[in-house]
């Protein structure tokens, strides 16, 4: 069974605690840039910590902070692309929905027009039937019945 757990995103204050714990840094010239990126980008504390951990004994705090900045910038670009894609999909879905509604409205108007025309044709057919009925009455007076029997 899969469970999805919502975690909060890393704030600058949480980042400073992680930087102190992993890199023993209380301040650095990249902290300002990281603060801005953390406000613009959603990244979990676990992801931040992963980027702050030195990958080798030769890596220093500067390299880890640079890696974090790069990861934050990549996450920001990815989030912007996803937001753009989502907006495009929503616009496409809205356009399709509007086109469908327009087609349904046109179909409805067409059906109403056909119904109206059929109603007029029905009146014309009734008038023809009346005329034919009157002709039949005249033919009966002439001695000819509709079935061809001429006897009275």
N, C-alpha and C. Protein backbone atom coordinates (compact mmCIF):
# COMPACT_ATOMS: atom_id res chain seq x y z
N UNK A 1 0.85 -1.16 0.00
CA UNK A 1 0.00 0.00 0.00
C UNK A 1 0.90 1.23 0.00
N UNK A 2 0.61 2.15 -0.95
CA UNK A 2 1.37 3.40 -1.03
C UNK A 2 0.70 4.45 -0.17
N UNK A 3 1.50 5.20 0.51
CA UNK A 3 0.99 6.32 1.29
C UNK A 3 1.73 7.57 0.87
N UNK A 4 0.98 8.62 0.66
CA UNK A 4 1.57 9.89 0.26
C UNK A 4 1.53 10.82 1.46
N UNK A 5 2.69 11.30 1.84
CA UNK A 5 2.78 12.18 3.00
C UNK A 5 3.24 13.55 2.52
N UNK A 6 2.47 14.56 2.85
CA UNK A 6 2.83 15.93 2.50
C UNK A 6 3.84 16.46 3.51
N UNK A 7 4.96 16.93 3.03
CA UNK A 7 5.97 17.54 3.88
C UNK A 7 6.04 19.02 3.55
N UNK A 8 6.43 19.79 4.53
CA UNK A 8 6.58 21.22 4.28
C UNK A 8 7.87 21.44 3.48
N UNK A 9 7.94 22.59 2.86
CA UNK A 9 9.12 22.92 2.09
C UNK A 9 10.13 23.64 2.98
N UNK A 10 11.36 23.62 2.54
CA UNK A 10 12.45 24.18 3.33
C UNK A 10 12.42 25.70 3.30
N UNK A 11 12.45 26.29 4.47
CA UNK A 11 12.54 27.75 4.59
C UNK A 11 14.01 28.13 4.75
N UNK A 12 14.27 29.41 4.70
CA UNK A 12 15.65 29.86 4.86
C UNK A 12 16.17 29.56 6.26
N UNK A 13 15.31 29.68 7.25
CA UNK A 13 15.72 29.39 8.64
C UNK A 13 16.12 27.91 8.78
N UNK A 14 15.33 27.03 8.16
CA UNK A 14 15.66 25.60 8.20
C UNK A 14 16.97 25.34 7.46
N UNK A 15 17.16 26.04 6.33
CA UNK A 15 18.41 25.90 5.58
C UNK A 15 19.61 26.28 6.45
N UNK A 16 19.50 27.38 7.20
CA UNK A 16 20.63 27.82 8.04
C UNK A 16 20.98 26.75 9.08
N UNK A 17 19.97 26.09 9.63
CA UNK A 17 20.22 25.00 10.59
C UNK A 17 20.95 23.86 9.89
N UNK A 18 20.49 23.50 8.68
CA UNK A 18 21.13 22.42 7.93
C UNK A 18 22.57 22.79 7.55
N UNK A 19 22.79 24.03 7.13
CA UNK A 19 24.14 24.47 6.78
C UNK A 19 25.07 24.41 7.99
N UNK A 20 24.55 24.77 9.14
CA UNK A 20 25.35 24.71 10.38
C UNK A 20 25.68 23.26 10.72
N UNK A 21 24.68 22.38 10.60
CA UNK A 21 24.88 20.97 10.96
C UNK A 21 25.81 20.24 9.98
N UNK A 22 25.62 20.45 8.67
CA UNK A 22 26.37 19.69 7.68
C UNK A 22 27.70 20.34 7.31
N UNK A 23 27.74 21.67 7.27
CA UNK A 23 28.93 22.36 6.77
C UNK A 23 29.62 23.21 7.83
N UNK A 24 29.02 23.32 8.99
CA UNK A 24 29.54 24.15 10.07
C UNK A 24 29.70 25.61 9.61
N UNK A 25 28.69 26.08 8.85
CA UNK A 25 28.69 27.46 8.35
C UNK A 25 27.54 28.23 8.98
N UNK A 26 27.86 29.41 9.52
CA UNK A 26 26.80 30.27 10.08
C UNK A 26 26.40 31.34 9.07
N UNK A 27 27.32 31.69 8.19
CA UNK A 27 27.01 32.66 7.14
C UNK A 27 27.97 32.44 5.97
N UNK A 28 27.53 32.91 4.81
CA UNK A 28 28.34 32.76 3.60
C UNK A 28 27.78 33.74 2.58
N UNK A 29 28.58 34.17 1.62
CA UNK A 29 28.09 35.13 0.63
C UNK A 29 26.98 34.55 -0.26
N UNK A 30 26.86 33.23 -0.37
CA UNK A 30 25.79 32.62 -1.17
C UNK A 30 24.46 32.51 -0.41
N UNK A 31 24.47 32.77 0.88
CA UNK A 31 23.23 32.66 1.68
C UNK A 31 22.12 33.57 1.14
N UNK A 32 22.48 34.76 0.69
CA UNK A 32 21.48 35.70 0.15
C UNK A 32 20.79 35.13 -1.08
N UNK A 33 21.60 34.57 -1.99
CA UNK A 33 21.05 33.96 -3.22
C UNK A 33 20.20 32.75 -2.86
N UNK A 34 20.65 31.95 -1.92
CA UNK A 34 19.90 30.76 -1.50
C UNK A 34 18.57 31.18 -0.87
N UNK A 35 18.58 32.25 -0.08
CA UNK A 35 17.34 32.75 0.54
C UNK A 35 16.31 33.09 -0.54
N UNK A 36 16.73 33.82 -1.56
CA UNK A 36 15.83 34.21 -2.65
C UNK A 36 15.30 32.97 -3.38
N UNK A 37 16.20 32.04 -3.69
CA UNK A 37 15.79 30.83 -4.42
C UNK A 37 14.84 29.96 -3.60
N UNK A 38 15.06 29.87 -2.30
CA UNK A 38 14.16 29.08 -1.46
C UNK A 38 12.76 29.70 -1.40
N UNK A 39 12.68 31.03 -1.50
CA UNK A 39 11.37 31.69 -1.52
C UNK A 39 10.65 31.45 -2.84
N UNK A 40 11.41 31.33 -3.92
CA UNK A 40 10.84 31.15 -5.26
C UNK A 40 10.60 29.70 -5.62
N UNK A 41 11.27 28.78 -4.94
CA UNK A 41 11.27 27.37 -5.31
C UNK A 41 10.82 26.52 -4.14
N UNK A 42 10.09 25.47 -4.47
CA UNK A 42 9.66 24.53 -3.43
C UNK A 42 10.62 23.34 -3.41
N UNK A 43 11.36 23.22 -2.32
CA UNK A 43 12.29 22.10 -2.16
C UNK A 43 12.20 21.64 -0.71
N UNK A 44 12.16 20.33 -0.53
CA UNK A 44 12.03 19.79 0.82
C UNK A 44 13.35 19.91 1.57
N UNK A 45 13.30 19.90 2.88
CA UNK A 45 14.54 19.92 3.67
C UNK A 45 15.45 18.73 3.34
N UNK A 46 14.86 17.59 3.03
CA UNK A 46 15.67 16.41 2.69
C UNK A 46 16.47 16.66 1.42
N UNK A 47 15.85 17.29 0.42
CA UNK A 47 16.56 17.60 -0.82
C UNK A 47 17.66 18.63 -0.58
N UNK A 48 17.37 19.61 0.26
CA UNK A 48 18.38 20.62 0.59
C UNK A 48 19.56 19.94 1.30
N UNK A 49 19.26 19.09 2.27
CA UNK A 49 20.31 18.39 3.02
C UNK A 49 21.15 17.52 2.10
N UNK A 50 20.50 16.86 1.14
CA UNK A 50 21.22 16.01 0.19
C UNK A 50 22.25 16.82 -0.59
N UNK A 51 21.89 18.03 -0.97
CA UNK A 51 22.82 18.89 -1.71
C UNK A 51 23.89 19.50 -0.82
N UNK A 52 23.61 19.61 0.48
CA UNK A 52 24.60 20.20 1.39
C UNK A 52 25.64 19.19 1.86
N UNK A 53 25.32 17.92 1.78
CA UNK A 53 26.28 16.90 2.25
C UNK A 53 27.47 16.82 1.31
N UNK A 54 28.66 16.90 1.84
CA UNK A 54 29.84 16.75 0.99
C UNK A 54 29.87 15.35 0.37
N UNK A 55 30.14 15.30 -0.95
CA UNK A 55 30.17 14.03 -1.67
C UNK A 55 31.53 13.35 -1.56
N UNK A 56 32.52 14.11 -1.18
CA UNK A 56 33.86 13.54 -0.97
C UNK A 56 34.57 14.37 0.10
N UNK A 57 35.70 13.87 0.55
CA UNK A 57 36.46 14.58 1.59
C UNK A 57 37.11 15.84 1.03
N UNK A 58 37.22 15.91 -0.30
CA UNK A 58 37.85 17.06 -0.93
C UNK A 58 36.89 18.23 -1.11
N UNK A 59 35.58 17.99 -1.02
CA UNK A 59 34.60 19.06 -1.19
C UNK A 59 34.52 19.91 0.06
N UNK A 60 34.47 21.21 -0.15
CA UNK A 60 34.31 22.12 0.99
C UNK A 60 32.90 22.70 0.99
N UNK A 61 32.62 23.57 1.94
CA UNK A 61 31.30 24.17 2.07
C UNK A 61 30.89 24.97 0.85
N UNK A 62 31.86 25.65 0.25
CA UNK A 62 31.59 26.46 -0.95
C UNK A 62 31.03 25.58 -2.07
N UNK A 63 31.66 24.44 -2.32
CA UNK A 63 31.22 23.54 -3.39
C UNK A 63 29.81 23.01 -3.11
N UNK A 64 29.54 22.70 -1.86
CA UNK A 64 28.20 22.19 -1.49
C UNK A 64 27.14 23.27 -1.68
N UNK A 65 27.45 24.51 -1.31
CA UNK A 65 26.50 25.61 -1.48
C UNK A 65 26.26 25.90 -2.96
N UNK A 66 27.32 25.84 -3.76
CA UNK A 66 27.17 26.04 -5.21
C UNK A 66 26.27 24.95 -5.79
N UNK A 67 26.47 23.71 -5.36
CA UNK A 67 25.63 22.60 -5.82
C UNK A 67 24.17 22.84 -5.43
N UNK A 68 23.94 23.34 -4.22
CA UNK A 68 22.57 23.64 -3.78
C UNK A 68 21.95 24.74 -4.63
N UNK A 69 22.71 25.79 -4.92
CA UNK A 69 22.20 26.88 -5.77
C UNK A 69 21.81 26.33 -7.14
N UNK A 70 22.66 25.49 -7.71
CA UNK A 70 22.36 24.89 -9.02
C UNK A 70 21.10 24.03 -8.95
N UNK A 71 20.97 23.25 -7.89
CA UNK A 71 19.78 22.40 -7.74
C UNK A 71 18.52 23.25 -7.58
N UNK A 72 18.62 24.34 -6.83
CA UNK A 72 17.47 25.23 -6.66
C UNK A 72 17.09 25.90 -7.98
N UNK A 73 18.09 26.32 -8.75
CA UNK A 73 17.81 26.95 -10.04
C UNK A 73 17.18 25.95 -11.01
N UNK A 74 17.65 24.70 -11.01
CA UNK A 74 17.05 23.66 -11.85
C UNK A 74 15.60 23.39 -11.43
N UNK A 75 15.37 23.32 -10.13
CA UNK A 75 14.01 23.08 -9.63
C UNK A 75 13.09 24.24 -10.01
N UNK A 76 13.62 25.45 -9.98
CA UNK A 76 12.83 26.63 -10.35
C UNK A 76 12.43 26.57 -11.82
N UNK A 77 13.40 26.25 -12.68
CA UNK A 77 13.12 26.15 -14.12
C UNK A 77 12.10 25.05 -14.39
N UNK A 78 12.29 23.92 -13.73
CA UNK A 78 11.37 22.80 -13.91
C UNK A 78 9.96 23.17 -13.46
N UNK A 79 9.84 23.85 -12.34
CA UNK A 79 8.53 24.27 -11.83
C UNK A 79 7.87 25.25 -12.79
N UNK A 80 8.66 26.17 -13.36
CA UNK A 80 8.12 27.13 -14.32
C UNK A 80 7.63 26.42 -15.57
N UNK A 81 8.40 25.43 -16.06
CA UNK A 81 7.99 24.68 -17.24
C UNK A 81 6.71 23.90 -16.98
N UNK A 82 6.62 23.28 -15.80
CA UNK A 82 5.42 22.53 -15.46
C UNK A 82 4.21 23.45 -15.34
N UNK A 83 4.41 24.63 -14.77
CA UNK A 83 3.31 25.60 -14.64
C UNK A 83 2.86 26.06 -16.03
N UNK A 84 3.82 26.29 -16.91
CA UNK A 84 3.49 26.71 -18.28
C UNK A 84 2.74 25.60 -19.01
N UNK A 85 3.22 24.37 -18.86
CA UNK A 85 2.57 23.23 -19.51
C UNK A 85 1.15 23.05 -18.97
N UNK A 86 0.99 23.19 -17.67
CA UNK A 86 -0.33 23.05 -17.06
C UNK A 86 -1.27 24.14 -17.57
N UNK A 87 -0.76 25.36 -17.67
CA UNK A 87 -1.58 26.47 -18.17
C UNK A 87 -1.99 26.23 -19.62
N UNK A 88 -1.07 25.70 -20.43
CA UNK A 88 -1.38 25.39 -21.82
C UNK A 88 -2.44 24.29 -21.91
N UNK A 89 -2.31 23.26 -21.08
CA UNK A 89 -3.29 22.18 -21.07
C UNK A 89 -4.67 22.68 -20.64
N UNK A 90 -4.68 23.56 -19.63
CA UNK A 90 -5.96 24.12 -19.18
C UNK A 90 -6.58 24.98 -20.27
N UNK A 91 -5.76 25.76 -20.96
CA UNK A 91 -6.27 26.60 -22.05
C UNK A 91 -6.81 25.73 -23.18
N UNK A 92 -6.10 24.64 -23.49
CA UNK A 92 -6.54 23.73 -24.54
C UNK A 92 -7.86 23.06 -24.15
N UNK A 93 -7.95 22.62 -22.90
CA UNK A 93 -9.18 21.98 -22.42
C UNK A 93 -10.35 22.97 -22.45
N UNK A 94 -10.08 24.20 -22.08
CA UNK A 94 -11.13 25.23 -22.09
C UNK A 94 -11.58 25.49 -23.52
N UNK A 95 -10.64 25.57 -24.45
CA UNK A 95 -10.97 25.81 -25.86
C UNK A 95 -11.80 24.65 -26.41
N UNK A 96 -11.42 23.42 -26.07
CA UNK A 96 -12.18 22.25 -26.52
C UNK A 96 -13.59 22.27 -25.94
N UNK A 97 -13.70 22.64 -24.68
CA UNK A 97 -15.01 22.70 -24.03
C UNK A 97 -15.88 23.77 -24.69
N UNK A 98 -15.29 24.92 -24.99
CA UNK A 98 -16.04 25.99 -25.65
C UNK A 98 -16.46 25.56 -27.05
N UNK A 99 -15.58 24.88 -27.78
CA UNK A 99 -15.91 24.41 -29.12
C UNK A 99 -17.05 23.39 -29.06
N UNK A 100 -17.00 22.53 -28.07
CA UNK A 100 -18.06 21.52 -27.90
C UNK A 100 -19.39 22.21 -27.59
N UNK A 101 -19.35 23.19 -26.70
CA UNK A 101 -20.58 23.92 -26.35
C UNK A 101 -21.13 24.66 -27.56
N UNK A 102 -20.24 25.24 -28.36
CA UNK A 102 -20.67 25.95 -29.57
C UNK A 102 -21.30 24.98 -30.56
N UNK A 103 -20.68 23.81 -30.74
CA UNK A 103 -21.22 22.80 -31.65
C UNK A 103 -22.59 22.33 -31.18
N UNK A 104 -22.73 22.12 -29.87
CA UNK A 104 -24.03 21.70 -29.33
C UNK A 104 -25.08 22.77 -29.55
N UNK A 105 -24.71 24.03 -29.37
CA UNK A 105 -25.65 25.14 -29.58
C UNK A 105 -26.06 25.21 -31.04
N UNK A 106 -25.09 25.05 -31.95
CA UNK A 106 -25.40 25.07 -33.38
C UNK A 106 -26.32 23.90 -33.74
N UNK A 107 -26.07 22.74 -33.17
CA UNK A 107 -26.91 21.57 -33.42
C UNK A 107 -28.32 21.82 -32.91
N UNK A 108 -28.42 22.45 -31.76
CA UNK A 108 -29.73 22.75 -31.18
C UNK A 108 -30.49 23.73 -32.08
N UNK A 109 -29.80 24.77 -32.54
CA UNK A 109 -30.45 25.74 -33.44
C UNK A 109 -30.87 25.09 -34.75
N UNK A 110 -30.02 24.20 -35.26
CA UNK A 110 -30.34 23.49 -36.50
C UNK A 110 -31.57 22.62 -36.31
N UNK A 111 -31.64 21.93 -35.17
CA UNK A 111 -32.79 21.07 -34.89
C UNK A 111 -34.06 21.90 -34.76
N UNK A 112 -33.97 23.06 -34.11
CA UNK A 112 -35.14 23.93 -33.97
C UNK A 112 -35.59 24.44 -35.34
N UNK A 113 -34.62 24.79 -36.19
CA UNK A 113 -34.95 25.28 -37.52
C UNK A 113 -35.63 24.19 -38.34
N UNK A 114 -35.10 22.96 -38.26
CA UNK A 114 -35.71 21.84 -38.98
C UNK A 114 -37.12 21.58 -38.47
N UNK A 115 -37.29 21.66 -37.17
CA UNK A 115 -38.61 21.45 -36.58
C UNK A 115 -39.58 22.51 -37.08
N UNK A 116 -39.10 23.74 -37.14
CA UNK A 116 -39.92 24.84 -37.62
C UNK A 116 -40.30 24.62 -39.08
N UNK A 117 -39.32 24.20 -39.90
CA UNK A 117 -39.58 23.94 -41.32
C UNK A 117 -40.53 22.76 -41.48
N UNK A 118 -40.35 21.72 -40.68
CA UNK A 118 -41.25 20.57 -40.75
C UNK A 118 -42.67 20.97 -40.35
N UNK A 119 -42.80 21.87 -39.43
CA UNK A 119 -44.11 22.36 -39.02
C UNK A 119 -44.79 23.08 -40.18
N UNK A 120 -44.05 23.88 -40.95
CA UNK A 120 -44.61 24.58 -42.10
C UNK A 120 -44.99 23.58 -43.18
N UNK A 121 -44.15 22.57 -43.41
CA UNK A 121 -44.45 21.54 -44.41
C UNK A 121 -45.70 20.78 -44.02
N UNK A 122 -45.86 20.53 -42.73
CA UNK A 122 -47.06 19.83 -42.24
C UNK A 122 -48.30 20.63 -42.55
N UNK A 123 -48.25 21.94 -42.42
CA UNK A 123 -49.38 22.81 -42.74
C UNK A 123 -49.68 22.72 -44.22
N UNK A 124 -48.62 22.74 -45.07
CA UNK A 124 -48.82 22.65 -46.51
C UNK A 124 -49.43 21.30 -46.88
N UNK A 125 -48.97 20.22 -46.25
CA UNK A 125 -49.51 18.89 -46.52
C UNK A 125 -50.98 18.85 -46.12
N UNK A 126 -51.33 19.43 -44.98
CA UNK A 126 -52.73 19.47 -44.55
C UNK A 126 -53.58 20.24 -45.54
N UNK A 127 -53.06 21.34 -46.07
CA UNK A 127 -53.82 22.11 -47.05
C UNK A 127 -54.02 21.30 -48.31
N UNK A 128 -52.98 20.55 -48.74
CA UNK A 128 -53.12 19.69 -49.92
C UNK A 128 -54.16 18.61 -49.66
N UNK A 129 -54.14 18.06 -48.46
CA UNK A 129 -55.11 17.01 -48.13
C UNK A 129 -56.52 17.58 -48.17
N UNK A 130 -56.70 18.79 -47.68
CA UNK A 130 -58.02 19.42 -47.72
C UNK A 130 -58.45 19.61 -49.16
N UNK A 131 -57.52 20.07 -49.99
CA UNK A 131 -57.85 20.28 -51.39
C UNK A 131 -58.21 18.95 -52.04
N UNK A 132 -57.45 17.90 -51.75
CA UNK A 132 -57.74 16.58 -52.30
C UNK A 132 -59.07 16.08 -51.79
N UNK A 133 -59.34 16.34 -50.55
CA UNK A 133 -60.63 15.92 -49.98
C UNK A 133 -61.78 16.62 -50.68
N UNK A 134 -61.61 17.89 -50.98
CA UNK A 134 -62.65 18.63 -51.69
C UNK A 134 -62.79 18.07 -53.09
N UNK A 135 -61.68 17.69 -53.74
CA UNK A 135 -61.75 17.10 -55.07
C UNK A 135 -62.50 15.79 -55.02
N UNK A 136 -62.29 15.01 -53.96
CA UNK A 136 -62.99 13.74 -53.83
C UNK A 136 -64.49 13.96 -53.69
N UNK A 137 -64.87 15.00 -52.99
CA UNK A 137 -66.29 15.29 -52.85
C UNK A 137 -66.90 15.62 -54.20
N UNK A 138 -66.15 16.38 -55.00
CA UNK A 138 -66.65 16.74 -56.33
C UNK A 138 -66.73 15.50 -57.20
N UNK A 139 -65.78 14.59 -57.06
CA UNK A 139 -65.80 13.39 -57.89
C UNK A 139 -66.96 12.49 -57.51
N UNK A 140 -67.35 12.50 -56.25
CA UNK A 140 -68.50 11.69 -55.84
C UNK A 140 -69.78 12.25 -56.47
N UNK A 141 -69.85 13.52 -56.59
CA UNK A 141 -71.05 14.11 -57.21
C UNK A 141 -71.08 13.82 -58.69
N UNK A 142 -69.95 13.53 -59.30
CA UNK A 142 -69.89 13.18 -60.71
C UNK A 142 -70.24 11.73 -60.92
N UNK A 143 -70.39 10.98 -59.86
CA UNK A 143 -70.73 9.57 -59.98
C UNK A 143 -69.53 8.67 -59.90
N UNK A 144 -68.38 9.21 -59.67
CA UNK A 144 -67.19 8.38 -59.58
C UNK A 144 -66.73 8.40 -58.13
N UNK A 145 -66.61 7.19 -57.59
CA UNK A 145 -66.11 7.10 -56.22
C UNK A 145 -64.62 6.84 -56.27
N UNK A 146 -64.04 7.00 -55.14
CA UNK A 146 -62.59 6.90 -55.06
C UNK A 146 -62.09 5.51 -55.41
N UNK A 147 -62.82 4.47 -55.08
CA UNK A 147 -62.36 3.11 -55.35
C UNK A 147 -62.68 2.67 -56.77
N UNK A 148 -63.20 3.54 -57.54
CA UNK A 148 -63.47 3.21 -58.93
C UNK A 148 -64.89 2.72 -59.17
N UNK A 149 -65.71 2.61 -58.15
CA UNK A 149 -67.09 2.16 -58.28
C UNK A 149 -67.92 3.34 -58.76
N UNK A 150 -68.59 3.17 -59.88
CA UNK A 150 -69.39 4.27 -60.43
C UNK A 150 -70.87 4.15 -60.11
N UNK A 151 -71.26 3.10 -59.45
CA UNK A 151 -72.67 2.93 -59.10
C UNK A 151 -73.03 3.78 -57.91
N UNK A 152 -74.30 4.26 -57.93
CA UNK A 152 -74.79 5.04 -56.80
C UNK A 152 -75.72 4.25 -55.98
